[in-house]
């Protein structure tokens, strides 16, 4: 009997899922389609600009911009893994996603979210070295170490997803196909299960400590040392320069971690789907699109690189 139920469940699961999204608020769907598309185009434009500037301008061939280019590439991948499907579902009556499509989306959303957590910690260490060890900065942050740190970030995120995504997808759902979300995200898929998920939630929480909380602790420690170093600087101009060096990264960390911690470090049974949808919308479309703006608007080097690439600095050459 149980084997028949499992067989039926597997058969219906492989048929795919229905992403309910905001279909209970049809008046919102057109507005959201325009908003999401606008933010997606901004994300592609802004992050592509950062990557190109980092490659083209020799002044930006530094560890900070190497990591920033990684973050921009990551944000482009993250949004491209979720937004086209979201736009398709928002733009018409069809709310379905294939089982394979859902599996790929879940894997990349989990993986790239994990990469960003670790990468932001790596960037905080880079800022610590720049502010606290300025005379030894180029020796500490040599190209080989930068490549290794970036590799650790990418491997950590994809390894975490390799553990969690298959286990989440294989949960029995007793034929239920309706995902009360607009993308295949782990909390929503776990909430659909018709079995006790306490063991899987415990595993998810344990991994989240390593992939979310540990990098956050490293970021806070780095900024503790940075704050101490800045307070020791006697000149106001020096303090302002040191603060400007770190403020962009701090804003990005606050935006990203504020939503991620709320989403992934609470039990599934206390999870509000409506809150979850809007928070996911925030870190899926808003954060990746504002990251380039935060770094560009507050950074003299990037502004000068843009002028140079646009031809305004060609007279200097």
C-alpha atoms as a PDB file:
ATOM      1  CA  UNK A   1       0.000   0.000   0.000  1.00  0.00           C
ATOM      2  CA  UNK A   2       2.756   2.452   1.055  1.00  0.00           C
ATOM      3  CA  UNK A   3       4.792   1.559  -2.049  1.00  0.00           C
ATOM      4  CA  UNK A   4       1.764   2.367  -4.244  1.00  0.00           C
ATOM      5  CA  UNK A   5       1.405   5.772  -2.563  1.00  0.00           C
ATOM      6  CA  UNK A   6       5.132   6.452  -3.055  1.00  0.00           C
ATOM      7  CA  UNK A   7       4.937   5.333  -6.699  1.00  0.00           C
ATOM      8  CA  UNK A   8       1.964   7.637  -7.307  1.00  0.00           C
ATOM      9  CA  UNK A   9       3.727  10.477  -5.516  1.00  0.00           C
ATOM     10  CA  UNK A  10       6.897  10.043  -7.607  1.00  0.00           C
ATOM     11  CA  UNK A  11       4.869   9.922 -10.823  1.00  0.00           C
ATOM     12  CA  UNK A  12       2.936  13.119 -10.012  1.00  0.00           C
ATOM     13  CA  UNK A  13       6.077  14.887  -8.775  1.00  0.00           C
ATOM     14  CA  UNK A  14       7.908  14.259 -12.034  1.00  0.00           C
ATOM     15  CA  UNK A  15       5.017  15.878 -13.912  1.00  0.00           C
ATOM     16  CA  UNK A  16       6.236  19.214 -12.582  1.00  0.00           C
ATOM     17  CA  UNK A  17       4.888  21.922 -10.311  1.00  0.00           C
ATOM     18  CA  UNK A  18       2.441  24.825 -10.376  1.00  0.00           C
ATOM     19  CA  UNK A  19       4.013  28.045  -9.101  1.00  0.00           C
ATOM     20  CA  UNK A  20       1.054  29.815  -7.508  1.00  0.00           C
ATOM     21  CA  UNK A  21       3.036  33.030  -7.061  1.00  0.00           C
ATOM     22  CA  UNK A  22       0.713  36.019  -6.930  1.00  0.00           C
ATOM     23  CA  UNK A  23      -2.128  34.419  -8.921  1.00  0.00           C
ATOM     24  CA  UNK A  24      -4.458  35.063  -5.944  1.00  0.00           C
ATOM     25  CA  UNK A  25      -3.855  38.782  -6.643  1.00  0.00           C
ATOM     26  CA  UNK A  26      -4.292  39.026 -10.448  1.00  0.00           C
ATOM     27  CA  UNK A  27      -4.372  42.844 -10.307  1.00  0.00           C
ATOM     28  CA  UNK A  28      -0.787  42.739  -8.983  1.00  0.00           C
ATOM     29  CA  UNK A  29       0.611  40.483 -11.704  1.00  0.00           C
ATOM     30  CA  UNK A  30       0.894  43.062 -14.513  1.00  0.00           C
ATOM     31  CA  UNK A  31       2.448  45.647 -12.165  1.00  0.00           C
ATOM     32  CA  UNK A  32       4.888  43.029 -10.873  1.00  0.00           C
ATOM     33  CA  UNK A  33       5.754  41.945 -14.427  1.00  0.00           C
ATOM     34  CA  UNK A  34       6.798  45.521 -15.319  1.00  0.00           C
ATOM     35  CA  UNK A  35       8.656  46.023 -12.007  1.00  0.00           C
ATOM     36  CA  UNK A  36      10.494  42.674 -12.207  1.00  0.00           C
ATOM     37  CA  UNK A  37      11.451  43.168 -15.869  1.00  0.00           C
ATOM     38  CA  UNK A  38      12.745  46.699 -15.155  1.00  0.00           C
ATOM     39  CA  UNK A  39      14.859  45.509 -12.210  1.00  0.00           C
ATOM     40  CA  UNK A  40      16.160  42.539 -14.222  1.00  0.00           C
ATOM     41  CA  UNK A  41      17.323  44.795 -17.079  1.00  0.00           C
ATOM     42  CA  UNK A  42      18.932  47.140 -14.521  1.00  0.00           C
ATOM     43  CA  UNK A  43      20.682  44.165 -12.910  1.00  0.00           C
ATOM     44  CA  UNK A  44      22.099  42.957 -16.232  1.00  0.00           C
ATOM     45  CA  UNK A  45      23.204  46.453 -17.288  1.00  0.00           C
ATOM     46  CA  UNK A  46      24.713  47.447 -13.934  1.00  0.00           C
ATOM     47  CA  UNK A  47      26.561  44.204 -13.243  1.00  0.00           C
ATOM     48  CA  UNK A  48      27.802  43.844 -16.818  1.00  0.00           C
ATOM     49  CA  UNK A  49      29.183  47.391 -16.533  1.00  0.00           C
ATOM     50  CA  UNK A  50      31.081  46.508 -13.329  1.00  0.00           C
ATOM     51  CA  UNK A  51      32.564  43.357 -14.941  1.00  0.00           C
ATOM     52  CA  UNK A  52      33.624  45.217 -18.107  1.00  0.00           C
ATOM     53  CA  UNK A  53      35.131  48.143 -16.176  1.00  0.00           C
ATOM     54  CA  UNK A  54      37.068  45.751 -13.917  1.00  0.00           C
ATOM     55  CA  UNK A  55      38.500  44.060 -17.010  1.00  0.00           C
ATOM     56  CA  UNK A  56      39.177  47.182 -19.129  1.00  0.00           C
ATOM     57  CA  UNK A  57      40.585  49.703 -16.636  1.00  0.00           C
ATOM     58  CA  UNK A  58      44.026  48.835 -15.228  1.00  0.00           C
ATOM     59  CA  UNK A  59      43.360  50.977 -12.126  1.00  0.00           C
ATOM     60  CA  UNK A  60      40.642  48.486 -11.185  1.00  0.00           C
ATOM     61  CA  UNK A  61      42.979  45.463 -11.375  1.00  0.00           C
ATOM     62  CA  UNK A  62      42.976  45.197  -7.574  1.00  0.00           C
ATOM     63  CA  UNK A  63      41.650  42.534  -5.155  1.00  0.00           C
ATOM     64  CA  UNK A  64      38.614  44.668  -4.250  1.00  0.00           C
ATOM     65  CA  UNK A  65      37.449  44.887  -7.876  1.00  0.00           C
ATOM     66  CA  UNK A  66      38.322  41.251  -8.557  1.00  0.00           C
ATOM     67  CA  UNK A  67      35.887  40.249  -5.793  1.00  0.00           C
ATOM     68  CA  UNK A  68      33.374  42.874  -6.925  1.00  0.00           C
ATOM     69  CA  UNK A  69      33.458  41.435 -10.470  1.00  0.00           C
ATOM     70  CA  UNK A  70      32.810  37.989  -8.932  1.00  0.00           C
ATOM     71  CA  UNK A  71      29.841  39.432  -7.025  1.00  0.00           C
ATOM     72  CA  UNK A  72      28.478  41.041 -10.198  1.00  0.00           C
ATOM     73  CA  UNK A  73      28.800  37.798 -12.186  1.00  0.00           C
ATOM     74  CA  UNK A  74      27.130  35.967  -9.299  1.00  0.00           C
ATOM     75  CA  UNK A  75      24.202  38.427  -9.220  1.00  0.00           C
ATOM     76  CA  UNK A  76      23.693  38.072 -12.984  1.00  0.00           C
ATOM     77  CA  UNK A  77      23.615  34.265 -12.674  1.00  0.00           C
ATOM     78  CA  UNK A  78      21.327  34.405  -9.631  1.00  0.00           C
ATOM     79  CA  UNK A  79      18.718  36.595 -11.312  1.00  0.00           C
ATOM     80  CA  UNK A  80      18.919  34.748 -14.650  1.00  0.00           C
ATOM     81  CA  UNK A  81      18.257  31.491 -12.805  1.00  0.00           C
ATOM     82  CA  UNK A  82      14.941  32.710 -11.427  1.00  0.00           C
ATOM     83  CA  UNK A  83      13.588  35.843 -13.141  1.00  0.00           C
ATOM     84  CA  UNK A  84      12.861  34.573 -16.715  1.00  0.00           C
ATOM     85  CA  UNK A  85      10.593  31.825 -15.276  1.00  0.00           C
ATOM     86  CA  UNK A  86       8.981  34.396 -12.962  1.00  0.00           C
ATOM     87  CA  UNK A  87       8.292  36.725 -15.896  1.00  0.00           C
ATOM     88  CA  UNK A  88       6.806  33.831 -17.902  1.00  0.00           C
ATOM     89  CA  UNK A  89       4.439  32.954 -15.036  1.00  0.00           C
ATOM     90  CA  UNK A  90       3.512  36.591 -14.354  1.00  0.00           C
ATOM     91  CA  UNK A  91       2.893  37.308 -18.040  1.00  0.00           C
ATOM     92  CA  UNK A  92       0.175  34.728 -18.700  1.00  0.00           C
ATOM     93  CA  UNK A  93      -2.199  32.111 -17.298  1.00  0.00           C
ATOM     94  CA  UNK A  94       0.372  29.286 -17.384  1.00  0.00           C
ATOM     95  CA  UNK A  95       1.950  28.926 -13.920  1.00  0.00           C
ATOM     96  CA  UNK A  96       3.674  25.582 -14.460  1.00  0.00           C
ATOM     97  CA  UNK A  97       7.343  24.663 -14.220  1.00  0.00           C
ATOM     98  CA  UNK A  98       8.746  21.279 -15.214  1.00  0.00           C
ATOM     99  CA  UNK A  99      10.256  19.003 -12.571  1.00  0.00           C
ATOM    100  CA  UNK A 100      13.700  19.403 -14.175  1.00  0.00           C
ATOM    101  CA  UNK A 101      13.233  23.188 -14.391  1.00  0.00           C
ATOM    102  CA  UNK A 102      12.266  23.308 -10.719  1.00  0.00           C
ATOM    103  CA  UNK A 103      15.262  21.136  -9.752  1.00  0.00           C
ATOM    104  CA  UNK A 104      17.699  23.359 -11.696  1.00  0.00           C
ATOM    105  CA  UNK A 105      16.167  26.526 -10.252  1.00  0.00           C
ATOM    106  CA  UNK A 106      16.285  25.218  -6.661  1.00  0.00           C
ATOM    107  CA  UNK A 107      19.892  24.057  -7.071  1.00  0.00           C
ATOM    108  CA  UNK A 108      21.139  27.374  -8.455  1.00  0.00           C
ATOM    109  CA  UNK A 109      19.132  29.601  -6.080  1.00  0.00           C
ATOM    110  CA  UNK A 110      20.540  27.661  -3.100  1.00  0.00           C
ATOM    111  CA  UNK A 111      24.068  27.450  -4.542  1.00  0.00           C
ATOM    112  CA  UNK A 112      24.422  31.082  -5.589  1.00  0.00           C
ATOM    113  CA  UNK A 113      22.862  32.353  -2.346  1.00  0.00           C
ATOM    114  CA  UNK A 114      25.498  30.347  -0.451  1.00  0.00           C
ATOM    115  CA  UNK A 115      28.302  31.655  -2.673  1.00  0.00           C
ATOM    116  CA  UNK A 116      27.210  35.232  -1.946  1.00  0.00           C
ATOM    117  CA  UNK A 117      27.313  34.659   1.837  1.00  0.00           C
ATOM    118  CA  UNK A 118      30.908  33.423   1.710  1.00  0.00           C
ATOM    119  CA  UNK A 119      31.992  35.953  -0.934  1.00  0.00           C
ATOM    120  CA  UNK A 120      30.756  38.863   1.216  1.00  0.00           C
ATOM    121  CA  UNK A 121      32.894  37.496   4.088  1.00  0.00           C
ATOM    122  CA  UNK A 122      35.912  37.319   1.746  1.00  0.00           C
ATOM    123  CA  UNK A 123      35.261  40.930   0.701  1.00  0.00           C
ATOM    124  CA  UNK A 124      35.094  41.955   4.382  1.00  0.00           C
ATOM    125  CA  UNK A 125      38.522  40.345   4.950  1.00  0.00           C
ATOM    126  CA  UNK A 126      39.842  42.299   1.950  1.00  0.00           C
ATOM    127  CA  UNK A 127      38.546  45.551   3.496  1.00  0.00           C
ATOM    128  CA  UNK A 128      40.121  44.570   6.850  1.00  0.00           C
ATOM    129  CA  UNK A 129      43.503  44.076   5.141  1.00  0.00           C
ATOM    130  CA  UNK A 130      43.147  47.413   3.282  1.00  0.00           C
ATOM    131  CA  UNK A 131      42.273  49.471   6.384  1.00  0.00           C
ATOM    132  CA  UNK A 132      44.146  47.663   9.175  1.00  0.00           C
ATOM    133  CA  UNK A 133      47.266  46.505   7.272  1.00  0.00           C
ATOM    134  CA  UNK A 134      47.668  49.132   4.515  1.00  0.00           C
ATOM    135  CA  UNK A 135      51.467  48.781   4.230  1.00  0.00           C
ATOM    136  CA  UNK A 136      51.250  45.008   3.808  1.00  0.00           C
ATOM    137  CA  UNK A 137      48.012  44.967   1.780  1.00  0.00           C
ATOM    138  CA  UNK A 138      49.527  43.977  -1.584  1.00  0.00           C
ATOM    139  CA  UNK A 139      51.612  41.255   0.089  1.00  0.00           C
ATOM    140  CA  UNK A 140      48.614  39.824   2.019  1.00  0.00           C
ATOM    141  CA  UNK A 141      46.067  40.017  -0.812  1.00  0.00           C
ATOM    142  CA  UNK A 142      48.266  38.598  -3.564  1.00  0.00           C
ATOM    143  CA  UNK A 143      46.551  37.306  -6.744  1.00  0.00           C
ATOM    144  CA  UNK A 144      46.947  33.628  -5.826  1.00  0.00           C
ATOM    145  CA  UNK A 145      45.224  34.105  -2.443  1.00  0.00           C
ATOM    146  CA  UNK A 146      42.425  36.127  -4.100  1.00  0.00           C
ATOM    147  CA  UNK A 147      41.825  33.287  -6.563  1.00  0.00           C
ATOM    148  CA  UNK A 148      41.821  30.719  -3.740  1.00  0.00           C
ATOM    149  CA  UNK A 149      39.376  32.743  -1.606  1.00  0.00           C
ATOM    150  CA  UNK A 150      37.016  33.218  -4.559  1.00  0.00           C
ATOM    151  CA  UNK A 151      37.219  29.458  -5.290  1.00  0.00           C
ATOM    152  CA  UNK A 152      36.351  28.638  -1.651  1.00  0.00           C
ATOM    153  CA  UNK A 153      33.262  30.876  -1.919  1.00  0.00           C
ATOM    154  CA  UNK A 154      32.029  29.223  -5.134  1.00  0.00           C
ATOM    155  CA  UNK A 155      32.780  25.663  -3.931  1.00  0.00           C
ATOM    156  CA  UNK A 156      31.081  26.238  -0.545  1.00  0.00           C
ATOM    157  CA  UNK A 157      27.814  27.425  -2.101  1.00  0.00           C
ATOM    158  CA  UNK A 158      27.616  24.669  -4.712  1.00  0.00           C
ATOM    159  CA  UNK A 159      28.556  21.946  -2.195  1.00  0.00           C
ATOM    160  CA  UNK A 160      25.830  23.099   0.207  1.00  0.00           C
ATOM    161  CA  UNK A 161      23.269  23.006  -2.603  1.00  0.00           C
ATOM    162  CA  UNK A 162      24.473  19.565  -3.700  1.00  0.00           C
ATOM    163  CA  UNK A 163      23.448  18.276  -0.253  1.00  0.00           C
ATOM    164  CA  UNK A 164      20.178  20.190   0.280  1.00  0.00           C
ATOM    165  CA  UNK A 165      18.573  20.418  -3.193  1.00  0.00           C
ATOM    166  CA  UNK A 166      18.211  16.635  -3.889  1.00  0.00           C
ATOM    167  CA  UNK A 167      16.896  15.945  -0.363  1.00  0.00           C
ATOM    168  CA  UNK A 168      14.329  18.737  -0.670  1.00  0.00           C
ATOM    169  CA  UNK A 169      13.164  17.526  -4.094  1.00  0.00           C
ATOM    170  CA  UNK A 170      12.841  13.884  -3.007  1.00  0.00           C
ATOM    171  CA  UNK A 171      10.419  14.646  -0.136  1.00  0.00           C
ATOM    172  CA  UNK A 172       7.060  12.851  -0.585  1.00  0.00           C
ATOM    173  CA  UNK A 173       4.308  15.358  -1.436  1.00  0.00           C
ATOM    174  CA  UNK A 174       1.361  12.939  -1.778  1.00  0.00           C
ATOM    175  CA  UNK A 175       0.541  14.239  -5.246  1.00  0.00           C
ATOM    176  CA  UNK A 176       0.551  17.933  -4.269  1.00  0.00           C
ATOM    177  CA  UNK A 177       1.978  20.049  -7.077  1.00  0.00           C
ATOM    178  CA  UNK A 178       0.996  23.592  -6.062  1.00  0.00           C
ATOM    179  CA  UNK A 179       4.011  25.561  -4.780  1.00  0.00           C
ATOM    180  CA  UNK A 180       2.778  28.606  -2.872  1.00  0.00           C
ATOM    181  CA  UNK A 181       5.599  30.732  -4.260  1.00  0.00           C
ATOM    182  CA  UNK A 182       6.803  32.210  -7.559  1.00  0.00           C
ATOM    183  CA  UNK A 183       9.991  30.128  -7.660  1.00  0.00           C
ATOM    184  CA  UNK A 184      11.184  26.727  -6.451  1.00  0.00           C
ATOM    185  CA  UNK A 185      12.653  27.770  -3.118  1.00  0.00           C
ATOM    186  CA  UNK A 186      13.594  25.405  -0.299  1.00  0.00           C
ATOM    187  CA  UNK A 187      11.248  26.611   2.509  1.00  0.00           C
ATOM    188  CA  UNK A 188       8.205  26.521   0.178  1.00  0.00           C
ATOM    189  CA  UNK A 189       9.042  23.018  -1.117  1.00  0.00           C
ATOM    190  CA  UNK A 190       9.668  21.665   2.393  1.00  0.00           C
ATOM    191  CA  UNK A 191       6.325  23.150   3.479  1.00  0.00           C
ATOM    192  CA  UNK A 192       4.554  21.049   0.795  1.00  0.00           C
ATOM    193  CA  UNK A 193       5.814  17.712   2.184  1.00  0.00           C
ATOM    194  CA  UNK A 194       3.294  15.261   3.637  1.00  0.00           C
ATOM    195  CA  UNK A 195       5.858  13.682   6.012  1.00  0.00           C
ATOM    196  CA  UNK A 196       7.705  14.890   9.090  1.00  0.00           C
ATOM    197  CA  UNK A 197      10.520  17.149   7.862  1.00  0.00           C
ATOM    198  CA  UNK A 198      12.174  17.824  11.231  1.00  0.00           C
ATOM    199  CA  UNK A 199      15.361  15.888  10.326  1.00  0.00           C
ATOM    200  CA  UNK A 200      15.763  17.753   7.028  1.00  0.00           C
ATOM    201  CA  UNK A 201      15.097  21.107   8.717  1.00  0.00           C
ATOM    202  CA  UNK A 202      17.721  20.269  11.356  1.00  0.00           C
ATOM    203  CA  UNK A 203      20.242  19.473   8.591  1.00  0.00           C
ATOM    204  CA  UNK A 204      19.326  22.694   6.758  1.00  0.00           C
ATOM    205  CA  UNK A 205      19.803  24.682   9.977  1.00  0.00           C
ATOM    206  CA  UNK A 206      23.188  23.023  10.670  1.00  0.00           C
ATOM    207  CA  UNK A 207      24.423  23.802   7.147  1.00  0.00           C
ATOM    208  CA  UNK A 208      23.020  27.340   7.402  1.00  0.00           C
ATOM    209  CA  UNK A 209      25.235  27.892  10.457  1.00  0.00           C
ATOM    210  CA  UNK A 210      28.299  27.174   8.282  1.00  0.00           C
ATOM    211  CA  UNK A 211      27.116  28.887   5.092  1.00  0.00           C
ATOM    212  CA  UNK A 212      25.229  31.887   6.570  1.00  0.00           C
ATOM    213  CA  UNK A 213      26.146  32.491  10.212  1.00  0.00           C
ATOM    214  CA  UNK A 214      29.886  31.667  10.079  1.00  0.00           C
ATOM    215  CA  UNK A 215      30.541  34.158   7.221  1.00  0.00           C
ATOM    216  CA  UNK A 216      28.413  36.759   9.059  1.00  0.00           C
ATOM    217  CA  UNK A 217      30.495  36.283  12.232  1.00  0.00           C
ATOM    218  CA  UNK A 218      33.687  36.722  10.168  1.00  0.00           C
ATOM    219  CA  UNK A 219      32.223  39.910   8.626  1.00  0.00           C
ATOM    220  CA  UNK A 220      31.363  41.311  12.085  1.00  0.00           C
ATOM    221  CA  UNK A 221      34.847  40.456  13.445  1.00  0.00           C
ATOM    222  CA  UNK A 222      36.480  42.119  10.407  1.00  0.00           C
ATOM    223  CA  UNK A 223      34.412  45.264  10.889  1.00  0.00           C
ATOM    224  CA  UNK A 224      35.163  45.267  14.619  1.00  0.00           C
ATOM    225  CA  UNK A 225      38.880  45.509  13.801  1.00  0.00           C
ATOM    226  CA  UNK A 226      38.155  48.058  11.040  1.00  0.00           C
ATOM    227  CA  UNK A 227      36.121  50.261  13.442  1.00  0.00           C
ATOM    228  CA  UNK A 228      38.948  50.143  15.983  1.00  0.00           C
ATOM    229  CA  UNK A 229      41.501  51.100  13.325  1.00  0.00           C
ATOM    230  CA  UNK A 230      39.328  53.965  12.003  1.00  0.00           C
ATOM    231  CA  UNK A 231      38.829  55.413  15.500  1.00  0.00           C
ATOM    232  CA  UNK A 232      42.629  55.552  15.915  1.00  0.00           C
ATOM    233  CA  UNK A 233      43.016  57.711  12.780  1.00  0.00           C
ATOM    234  CA  UNK A 234      43.585  61.280  13.994  1.00  0.00           C
ATOM    235  CA  UNK A 235      42.601  63.230  10.845  1.00  0.00           C
ATOM    236  CA  UNK A 236      38.937  63.615   9.887  1.00  0.00           C
ATOM    237  CA  UNK A 237      39.867  63.222   6.194  1.00  0.00           C
ATOM    238  CA  UNK A 238      41.593  59.907   6.938  1.00  0.00           C
ATOM    239  CA  UNK A 239      38.592  58.609   8.881  1.00  0.00           C
ATOM    240  CA  UNK A 240      36.239  59.642   6.070  1.00  0.00           C
ATOM    241  CA  UNK A 241      38.402  57.885   3.462  1.00  0.00           C
ATOM    242  CA  UNK A 242      38.509  54.684   5.540  1.00  0.00           C
ATOM    243  CA  UNK A 243      34.741  54.830   6.108  1.00  0.00           C
ATOM    244  CA  UNK A 244      34.081  55.320   2.370  1.00  0.00           C
ATOM    245  CA  UNK A 245      36.280  52.298   1.648  1.00  0.00           C
ATOM    246  CA  UNK A 246      33.948  50.064   3.671  1.00  0.00           C
ATOM    247  CA  UNK A 247      30.508  51.707   3.610  1.00  0.00           C
ATOM    248  CA  UNK A 248      29.417  50.274   0.228  1.00  0.00           C
ATOM    249  CA  UNK A 249      30.221  46.739   1.332  1.00  0.00           C
ATOM    250  CA  UNK A 250      28.422  47.265   4.665  1.00  0.00           C
ATOM    251  CA  UNK A 251      25.242  48.425   2.902  1.00  0.00           C
ATOM    252  CA  UNK A 252      25.297  45.369   0.586  1.00  0.00           C
ATOM    253  CA  UNK A 253      25.877  43.018   3.548  1.00  0.00           C
ATOM    254  CA  UNK A 254      22.956  44.570   5.475  1.00  0.00           C
ATOM    255  CA  UNK A 255      20.554  44.279   2.518  1.00  0.00           C
ATOM    256  CA  UNK A 256      21.500  40.689   1.705  1.00  0.00           C
ATOM    257  CA  UNK A 257      21.833  39.220   5.182  1.00  0.00           C
ATOM    258  CA  UNK A 258      18.728  40.936   6.559  1.00  0.00           C
ATOM    259  CA  UNK A 259      16.483  38.951   4.202  1.00  0.00           C
ATOM    260  CA  UNK A 260      18.495  35.686   4.060  1.00  0.00           C
ATOM    261  CA  UNK A 261      18.591  35.220   7.855  1.00  0.00           C
ATOM    262  CA  UNK A 262      14.835  35.759   8.113  1.00  0.00           C
ATOM    263  CA  UNK A 263      14.163  33.304   5.279  1.00  0.00           C
ATOM    264  CA  UNK A 264      16.473  30.406   6.139  1.00  0.00           C
ATOM    265  CA  UNK A 265      17.040  30.481   9.904  1.00  0.00           C
ATOM    266  CA  UNK A 266      13.478  29.950  11.091  1.00  0.00           C
ATOM    267  CA  UNK A 267      11.398  26.742  11.276  1.00  0.00           C
ATOM    268  CA  UNK A 268       9.188  26.012   8.250  1.00  0.00           C
ATOM    269  CA  UNK A 269       6.035  25.886  10.407  1.00  0.00           C
ATOM    270  CA  UNK A 270       6.499  29.545  11.452  1.00  0.00           C
ATOM    271  CA  UNK A 271       7.139  30.604   7.859  1.00  0.00           C
ATOM    272  CA  UNK A 272       4.619  33.097   6.441  1.00  0.00           C
ATOM    273  CA  UNK A 273       4.224  32.496   2.696  1.00  0.00           C
ATOM    274  CA  UNK A 274       3.212  36.094   1.922  1.00  0.00           C
ATOM    275  CA  UNK A 275       6.154  37.522   3.851  1.00  0.00           C
ATOM    276  CA  UNK A 276       8.390  34.915   2.216  1.00  0.00           C
ATOM    277  CA  UNK A 277       7.254  35.892  -1.281  1.00  0.00           C
ATOM    278  CA  UNK A 278       7.922  39.596  -0.814  1.00  0.00           C
ATOM    279  CA  UNK A 279      11.260  39.012   0.938  1.00  0.00           C
ATOM    280  CA  UNK A 280      12.326  36.642  -1.851  1.00  0.00           C
ATOM    281  CA  UNK A 281      11.222  39.254  -4.383  1.00  0.00           C
ATOM    282  CA  UNK A 282      13.424  41.767  -2.549  1.00  0.00           C
ATOM    283  CA  UNK A 283      16.620  39.718  -2.536  1.00  0.00           C
ATOM    284  CA  UNK A 284      15.956  38.240  -5.993  1.00  0.00           C
ATOM    285  CA  UNK A 285      15.352  41.474  -7.895  1.00  0.00           C
ATOM    286  CA  UNK A 286      16.143  44.512  -5.718  1.00  0.00           C
ATOM    287  CA  UNK A 287      19.476  43.604  -4.074  1.00  0.00           C
ATOM    288  CA  UNK A 288      21.269  42.420  -7.279  1.00  0.00           C
ATOM    289  CA  UNK A 289      20.166  45.563  -9.138  1.00  0.00           C
ATOM    290  CA  UNK A 290      21.228  48.043  -6.429  1.00  0.00           C
ATOM    291  CA  UNK A 291      24.634  46.414  -5.715  1.00  0.00           C
ATOM    292  CA  UNK A 292      26.304  48.043  -8.774  1.00  0.00           C
ATOM    293  CA  UNK A 293      24.673  51.403  -7.936  1.00  0.00           C
ATOM    294  CA  UNK A 294      25.885  51.257  -4.323  1.00  0.00           C
ATOM    295  CA  UNK A 295      29.460  50.547  -5.416  1.00  0.00           C
ATOM    296  CA  UNK A 296      29.414  52.940  -8.394  1.00  0.00           C
ATOM    297  CA  UNK A 297      27.797  55.997  -6.799  1.00  0.00           C
ATOM    298  CA  UNK A 298      30.077  55.883  -3.755  1.00  0.00           C
ATOM    299  CA  UNK A 299      33.332  55.099  -5.552  1.00  0.00           C
ATOM    300  CA  UNK A 300      35.621  57.620  -7.230  1.00  0.00           C
ATOM    301  CA  UNK A 301      37.686  54.966  -9.082  1.00  0.00           C
ATOM    302  CA  UNK A 302      34.590  53.442 -10.713  1.00  0.00           C
ATOM    303  CA  UNK A 303      33.266  56.880 -11.726  1.00  0.00           C
ATOM    304  CA  UNK A 304      36.613  57.730 -13.328  1.00  0.00           C
ATOM    305  CA  UNK A 305      36.722  54.358 -15.097  1.00  0.00           C
ATOM    306  CA  UNK A 306      33.227  54.988 -16.529  1.00  0.00           C
ATOM    307  CA  UNK A 307      34.331  58.424 -17.809  1.00  0.00           C
ATOM    308  CA  UNK A 308      37.450  56.891 -19.365  1.00  0.00           C
ATOM    309  CA  UNK A 309      35.509  54.094 -21.091  1.00  0.00           C
ATOM    310  CA  UNK A 310      32.888  56.570 -22.357  1.00  0.00           C
ATOM    311  CA  UNK A 311      35.711  58.590 -23.918  1.00  0.00           C
ATOM    312  CA  UNK A 312      35.670  61.539 -21.524  1.00  0.00           C
ATOM    313  CA  UNK A 313      39.079  60.585 -20.221  1.00  0.00           C
ATOM    314  CA  UNK A 314      40.615  59.901 -23.641  1.00  0.00           C
ATOM    315  CA  UNK A 315      42.199  63.365 -23.755  1.00  0.00           C
ATOM    316  CA  UNK A 316      44.310  62.442 -20.752  1.00  0.00           C
ATOM    317  CA  UNK A 317      45.813  59.473 -22.583  1.00  0.00           C
END
